[in-house]
């Protein structure tokens, strides 16, 4: 095989675990619109590409655990993005009540 194909396969091999994790996270996004799902998938994928290996490097993990960390980061990223989208939707309908509720959660008032 020519070297350029091997390089392409190496790049794809690095990108498959984050895509798989983001796809798993996408399964639980039933309340999102298609545009929100697509943007959530892309953001989760990008977060996983960057933060998965960074976390694994800080924790001195091997290649197999790096893949697992990338998948987990993508799944958690998709959930976080879904939560942020739900918060933005709620903020659009009732901004003051939402801000007060967030403030109460941050300061553990309720």
N, C-alpha and C. Protein backbone atom coordinates (compact mmCIF):
# COMPACT_ATOMS: atom_id res chain seq x y z
N UNK A 1 0.84 -1.17 0.00
CA UNK A 1 0.00 0.00 0.00
C UNK A 1 0.89 1.24 0.00
N UNK A 2 0.55 2.24 -0.76
CA UNK A 2 1.34 3.48 -0.74
C UNK A 2 1.27 4.16 0.63
N UNK A 3 2.27 4.96 0.90
CA UNK A 3 2.35 5.63 2.19
C UNK A 3 1.18 6.57 2.45
N UNK A 4 0.66 7.19 1.40
CA UNK A 4 -0.44 8.14 1.63
C UNK A 4 -1.69 7.43 2.13
N UNK A 5 -1.92 6.20 1.69
CA UNK A 5 -3.08 5.45 2.19
C UNK A 5 -2.88 5.04 3.63
N UNK A 6 -1.68 4.68 3.99
CA UNK A 6 -1.40 4.33 5.38
C UNK A 6 -1.60 5.54 6.28
N UNK A 7 -1.21 6.71 5.82
CA UNK A 7 -1.42 7.92 6.59
C UNK A 7 -2.90 8.21 6.77
N UNK A 8 -3.67 8.01 5.72
CA UNK A 8 -5.12 8.24 5.80
C UNK A 8 -5.76 7.26 6.77
N UNK A 9 -5.35 6.00 6.74
CA UNK A 9 -5.91 5.00 7.66
C UNK A 9 -5.51 5.30 9.11
N UNK A 10 -4.31 5.82 9.32
CA UNK A 10 -3.92 6.19 10.68
C UNK A 10 -4.77 7.34 11.20
N UNK A 11 -5.04 8.30 10.34
CA UNK A 11 -5.88 9.43 10.76
C UNK A 11 -7.30 8.96 11.05
N UNK A 12 -7.84 8.11 10.17
CA UNK A 12 -9.19 7.59 10.40
C UNK A 12 -9.27 6.74 11.66
N UNK A 13 -8.22 5.98 11.94
CA UNK A 13 -8.21 5.15 13.14
C UNK A 13 -8.23 6.03 14.39
N UNK A 14 -7.62 7.19 14.33
CA UNK A 14 -7.64 8.10 15.48
C UNK A 14 -8.99 8.78 15.64
N UNK A 15 -9.73 8.93 14.56
CA UNK A 15 -11.01 9.65 14.62
C UNK A 15 -12.21 8.74 14.85
N UNK A 16 -12.06 7.44 14.70
CA UNK A 16 -13.21 6.54 14.86
C UNK A 16 -13.73 6.46 16.30
N UNK A 17 -12.89 6.33 17.33
CA UNK A 17 -13.44 6.26 18.69
C UNK A 17 -14.24 7.49 19.10
N UNK A 18 -13.77 8.72 18.82
CA UNK A 18 -14.63 9.87 19.17
C UNK A 18 -15.95 9.87 18.40
N UNK A 19 -15.92 9.48 17.15
CA UNK A 19 -17.16 9.42 16.37
C UNK A 19 -18.11 8.37 16.94
N UNK A 20 -17.57 7.24 17.36
CA UNK A 20 -18.39 6.19 17.95
C UNK A 20 -19.01 6.66 19.26
N UNK A 21 -18.22 7.33 20.10
CA UNK A 21 -18.74 7.84 21.37
C UNK A 21 -19.81 8.90 21.16
N UNK A 22 -19.59 9.78 20.19
CA UNK A 22 -20.59 10.81 19.90
C UNK A 22 -21.86 10.18 19.35
N UNK A 23 -21.72 9.11 18.59
CA UNK A 23 -22.89 8.40 18.06
C UNK A 23 -23.68 7.75 19.17
N UNK A 24 -22.99 7.18 20.16
CA UNK A 24 -23.68 6.61 21.31
C UNK A 24 -24.43 7.71 22.08
N UNK A 25 -23.76 8.84 22.27
CA UNK A 25 -24.41 9.96 22.95
C UNK A 25 -25.59 10.51 22.17
N UNK A 26 -25.55 10.39 20.86
CA UNK A 26 -26.62 10.88 20.01
C UNK A 26 -27.90 10.07 20.17
N UNK A 27 -27.79 8.84 20.61
CA UNK A 27 -28.97 7.99 20.79
C UNK A 27 -29.95 8.57 21.81
N UNK A 28 -29.42 9.29 22.79
CA UNK A 28 -30.26 9.81 23.86
C UNK A 28 -30.71 11.25 23.62
N UNK A 29 -30.70 11.68 22.39
CA UNK A 29 -31.04 13.08 22.09
C UNK A 29 -32.40 13.18 21.41
N UNK A 30 -33.39 12.54 21.98
CA UNK A 30 -34.70 12.50 21.35
C UNK A 30 -35.42 13.83 21.31
N UNK A 31 -35.12 14.75 22.25
CA UNK A 31 -35.83 16.03 22.31
C UNK A 31 -35.20 17.10 21.44
N UNK A 32 -34.11 16.79 20.74
CA UNK A 32 -33.40 17.79 19.94
C UNK A 32 -33.91 17.80 18.50
N UNK A 33 -33.78 18.96 17.88
CA UNK A 33 -34.09 19.06 16.45
C UNK A 33 -32.91 18.48 15.66
N UNK A 34 -33.10 18.19 14.38
CA UNK A 34 -31.98 17.64 13.59
C UNK A 34 -30.75 18.54 13.54
N UNK A 35 -30.95 19.86 13.47
CA UNK A 35 -29.80 20.78 13.47
C UNK A 35 -29.07 20.71 14.80
N UNK A 36 -29.82 20.64 15.90
CA UNK A 36 -29.20 20.54 17.22
C UNK A 36 -28.45 19.22 17.37
N UNK A 37 -29.01 18.16 16.83
CA UNK A 37 -28.32 16.87 16.89
C UNK A 37 -27.01 16.90 16.11
N UNK A 38 -27.05 17.51 14.94
CA UNK A 38 -25.85 17.58 14.11
C UNK A 38 -24.78 18.45 14.77
N UNK A 39 -25.18 19.60 15.27
CA UNK A 39 -24.20 20.46 15.93
C UNK A 39 -23.71 19.84 17.23
N UNK A 40 -24.57 19.15 17.96
CA UNK A 40 -24.15 18.46 19.18
C UNK A 40 -23.17 17.33 18.88
N UNK A 41 -23.45 16.58 17.82
CA UNK A 41 -22.54 15.52 17.40
C UNK A 41 -21.17 16.10 17.04
N UNK A 42 -21.17 17.19 16.27
CA UNK A 42 -19.90 17.79 15.85
C UNK A 42 -19.12 18.33 17.04
N UNK A 43 -19.80 19.02 17.95
CA UNK A 43 -19.12 19.56 19.13
C UNK A 43 -18.59 18.45 20.03
N UNK A 44 -19.39 17.44 20.24
CA UNK A 44 -18.96 16.31 21.06
C UNK A 44 -17.77 15.60 20.43
N UNK A 45 -17.82 15.43 19.13
CA UNK A 45 -16.72 14.79 18.40
C UNK A 45 -15.43 15.61 18.54
N UNK A 46 -15.54 16.92 18.36
CA UNK A 46 -14.35 17.78 18.45
C UNK A 46 -13.81 17.80 19.87
N UNK A 47 -14.69 17.88 20.87
CA UNK A 47 -14.22 17.82 22.26
C UNK A 47 -13.49 16.53 22.55
N UNK A 48 -14.01 15.43 22.04
CA UNK A 48 -13.40 14.14 22.28
C UNK A 48 -12.06 13.99 21.58
N UNK A 49 -11.95 14.54 20.38
CA UNK A 49 -10.68 14.46 19.65
C UNK A 49 -9.58 15.19 20.42
N UNK A 50 -9.92 16.31 21.02
CA UNK A 50 -8.90 17.09 21.72
C UNK A 50 -8.72 16.65 23.17
N UNK A 51 -9.81 16.47 23.90
CA UNK A 51 -9.70 16.20 25.33
C UNK A 51 -9.46 14.74 25.67
N UNK A 52 -9.89 13.80 24.83
CA UNK A 52 -9.64 12.39 25.11
C UNK A 52 -8.16 12.07 25.25
N UNK A 53 -7.34 12.36 24.24
CA UNK A 53 -5.91 12.11 24.38
C UNK A 53 -5.23 12.98 25.44
N UNK A 54 -5.73 14.19 25.65
CA UNK A 54 -5.13 15.06 26.66
C UNK A 54 -5.34 14.47 28.06
N UNK A 55 -6.53 14.00 28.34
CA UNK A 55 -6.80 13.37 29.64
C UNK A 55 -5.97 12.11 29.79
N UNK A 56 -5.90 11.32 28.73
CA UNK A 56 -5.12 10.08 28.80
C UNK A 56 -3.63 10.38 29.01
N UNK A 57 -3.15 11.46 28.43
CA UNK A 57 -1.74 11.81 28.62
C UNK A 57 -1.47 12.28 30.04
N UNK A 58 -2.37 13.05 30.60
CA UNK A 58 -2.20 13.52 31.98
C UNK A 58 -2.21 12.34 32.95
N UNK A 59 -3.06 11.36 32.68
CA UNK A 59 -3.17 10.19 33.56
C UNK A 59 -2.21 9.07 33.19
N UNK A 60 -1.38 9.28 32.18
CA UNK A 60 -0.39 8.29 31.72
C UNK A 60 -1.03 6.95 31.37
N UNK A 61 -2.05 7.02 30.54
CA UNK A 61 -2.77 5.81 30.11
C UNK A 61 -2.19 5.30 28.80
N UNK A 62 -2.39 4.02 28.54
CA UNK A 62 -1.93 3.41 27.31
C UNK A 62 -2.89 3.67 26.16
N UNK A 63 -2.58 3.11 24.98
CA UNK A 63 -3.41 3.38 23.80
C UNK A 63 -4.83 2.84 23.91
N UNK A 64 -5.00 1.69 24.53
CA UNK A 64 -6.36 1.14 24.64
C UNK A 64 -7.23 1.98 25.57
N UNK A 65 -6.66 2.40 26.68
CA UNK A 65 -7.44 3.24 27.59
C UNK A 65 -7.65 4.64 27.02
N UNK A 66 -6.74 5.09 26.17
CA UNK A 66 -6.94 6.37 25.50
C UNK A 66 -8.17 6.32 24.61
N UNK A 67 -8.35 5.22 23.93
CA UNK A 67 -9.55 5.04 23.10
C UNK A 67 -10.80 5.06 23.97
N UNK A 68 -10.74 4.36 25.10
CA UNK A 68 -11.90 4.33 26.00
C UNK A 68 -12.20 5.72 26.55
N UNK A 69 -11.17 6.46 26.91
CA UNK A 69 -11.37 7.82 27.42
C UNK A 69 -11.98 8.71 26.34
N UNK A 70 -11.53 8.57 25.10
CA UNK A 70 -12.09 9.37 24.01
C UNK A 70 -13.57 9.06 23.81
N UNK A 71 -13.94 7.80 23.89
CA UNK A 71 -15.35 7.42 23.75
C UNK A 71 -16.18 7.98 24.89
N UNK A 72 -15.67 7.88 26.12
CA UNK A 72 -16.40 8.38 27.28
C UNK A 72 -16.55 9.90 27.22
N UNK A 73 -15.48 10.60 26.83
CA UNK A 73 -15.56 12.05 26.70
C UNK A 73 -16.60 12.44 25.67
N UNK A 74 -16.70 11.70 24.57
CA UNK A 74 -17.69 12.02 23.54
C UNK A 74 -19.11 11.80 24.06
N UNK A 75 -19.32 10.73 24.81
CA UNK A 75 -20.65 10.46 25.35
C UNK A 75 -21.05 11.54 26.36
N UNK A 76 -20.14 11.85 27.27
CA UNK A 76 -20.42 12.88 28.27
C UNK A 76 -20.58 14.24 27.59
N UNK A 77 -19.76 14.51 26.58
CA UNK A 77 -19.88 15.77 25.85
C UNK A 77 -21.23 15.94 25.20
N UNK A 78 -21.76 14.87 24.65
CA UNK A 78 -23.08 14.93 24.01
C UNK A 78 -24.15 15.22 25.06
N UNK A 79 -24.03 14.63 26.25
CA UNK A 79 -25.00 14.90 27.31
C UNK A 79 -24.90 16.34 27.80
N UNK A 80 -23.68 16.84 27.94
CA UNK A 80 -23.49 18.22 28.39
C UNK A 80 -24.06 19.19 27.36
N UNK A 81 -23.80 18.93 26.11
CA UNK A 81 -24.32 19.81 25.06
C UNK A 81 -25.85 19.77 25.02
N UNK A 82 -26.42 18.59 25.22
CA UNK A 82 -27.88 18.49 25.31
C UNK A 82 -28.43 19.28 26.48
N UNK A 83 -27.74 19.23 27.61
CA UNK A 83 -28.17 20.02 28.77
C UNK A 83 -28.07 21.51 28.52
N UNK A 84 -26.99 21.93 27.85
CA UNK A 84 -26.85 23.35 27.53
C UNK A 84 -27.92 23.82 26.56
N UNK A 85 -28.27 22.96 25.60
CA UNK A 85 -29.35 23.32 24.67
C UNK A 85 -30.68 23.43 25.39
N UNK A 86 -30.94 22.53 26.34
CA UNK A 86 -32.18 22.61 27.11
C UNK A 86 -32.21 23.86 27.97
N UNK A 87 -31.05 24.20 28.54
CA UNK A 87 -30.96 25.42 29.34
C UNK A 87 -31.19 26.66 28.47
N UNK A 88 -30.63 26.67 27.28
CA UNK A 88 -30.82 27.80 26.37
C UNK A 88 -32.28 27.93 25.97
N UNK A 89 -32.95 26.81 25.73
CA UNK A 89 -34.37 26.84 25.38
C UNK A 89 -35.20 27.39 26.53
N UNK A 90 -34.88 26.95 27.74
CA UNK A 90 -35.62 27.44 28.90
C UNK A 90 -35.33 28.93 29.12
N UNK A 91 -34.10 29.33 28.90
CA UNK A 91 -33.73 30.73 29.07
C UNK A 91 -34.44 31.61 28.06
N UNK A 92 -34.70 31.07 26.88
CA UNK A 92 -35.40 31.83 25.85
C UNK A 92 -36.85 32.11 26.25
N UNK A 93 -37.49 31.17 26.94
CA UNK A 93 -38.89 31.36 27.32
C UNK A 93 -39.05 32.14 28.62
N UNK A 94 -38.17 31.91 29.60
CA UNK A 94 -38.28 32.60 30.89
C UNK A 94 -36.88 32.94 31.39
N UNK A 95 -36.31 34.04 30.94
CA UNK A 95 -34.92 34.32 31.26
C UNK A 95 -34.65 34.59 32.75
N UNK A 96 -35.50 35.37 33.41
CA UNK A 96 -35.23 35.70 34.81
C UNK A 96 -35.40 34.49 35.72
N UNK A 97 -36.44 33.70 35.49
CA UNK A 97 -36.65 32.50 36.31
C UNK A 97 -35.51 31.51 36.11
N UNK A 98 -35.04 31.36 34.88
CA UNK A 98 -33.94 30.45 34.59
C UNK A 98 -32.66 30.92 35.24
N UNK A 99 -32.37 32.22 35.15
CA UNK A 99 -31.17 32.75 35.78
C UNK A 99 -31.23 32.57 37.29
N UNK A 100 -32.40 32.80 37.89
CA UNK A 100 -32.55 32.61 39.33
C UNK A 100 -32.36 31.15 39.72
N UNK A 101 -32.90 30.24 38.91
CA UNK A 101 -32.75 28.81 39.20
C UNK A 101 -31.29 28.37 39.08
N UNK A 102 -30.60 28.87 38.07
CA UNK A 102 -29.17 28.54 37.91
C UNK A 102 -28.38 29.10 39.07
N UNK A 103 -28.68 30.33 39.47
CA UNK A 103 -28.00 30.95 40.59
C UNK A 103 -28.23 30.16 41.87
N UNK A 104 -29.45 29.69 42.10
CA UNK A 104 -29.75 28.88 43.28
C UNK A 104 -29.00 27.56 43.27
N UNK A 105 -28.87 26.96 42.10
CA UNK A 105 -28.14 25.70 42.01
C UNK A 105 -26.65 25.92 42.28
N UNK A 106 -26.10 26.99 41.75
CA UNK A 106 -24.68 27.27 41.96
C UNK A 106 -24.39 27.51 43.43
N UNK A 107 -25.23 28.26 44.11
CA UNK A 107 -25.00 28.58 45.52
C UNK A 107 -25.68 27.59 46.45
N UNK A 108 -26.26 26.51 45.91
CA UNK A 108 -26.88 25.42 46.69
C UNK A 108 -27.94 25.92 47.66
N UNK A 109 -28.79 26.77 47.15
CA UNK A 109 -29.86 27.29 47.98
C UNK A 109 -31.06 26.35 48.03
N UNK A 110 -31.21 25.54 47.00
CA UNK A 110 -32.37 24.63 46.97
C UNK A 110 -31.89 23.23 46.81
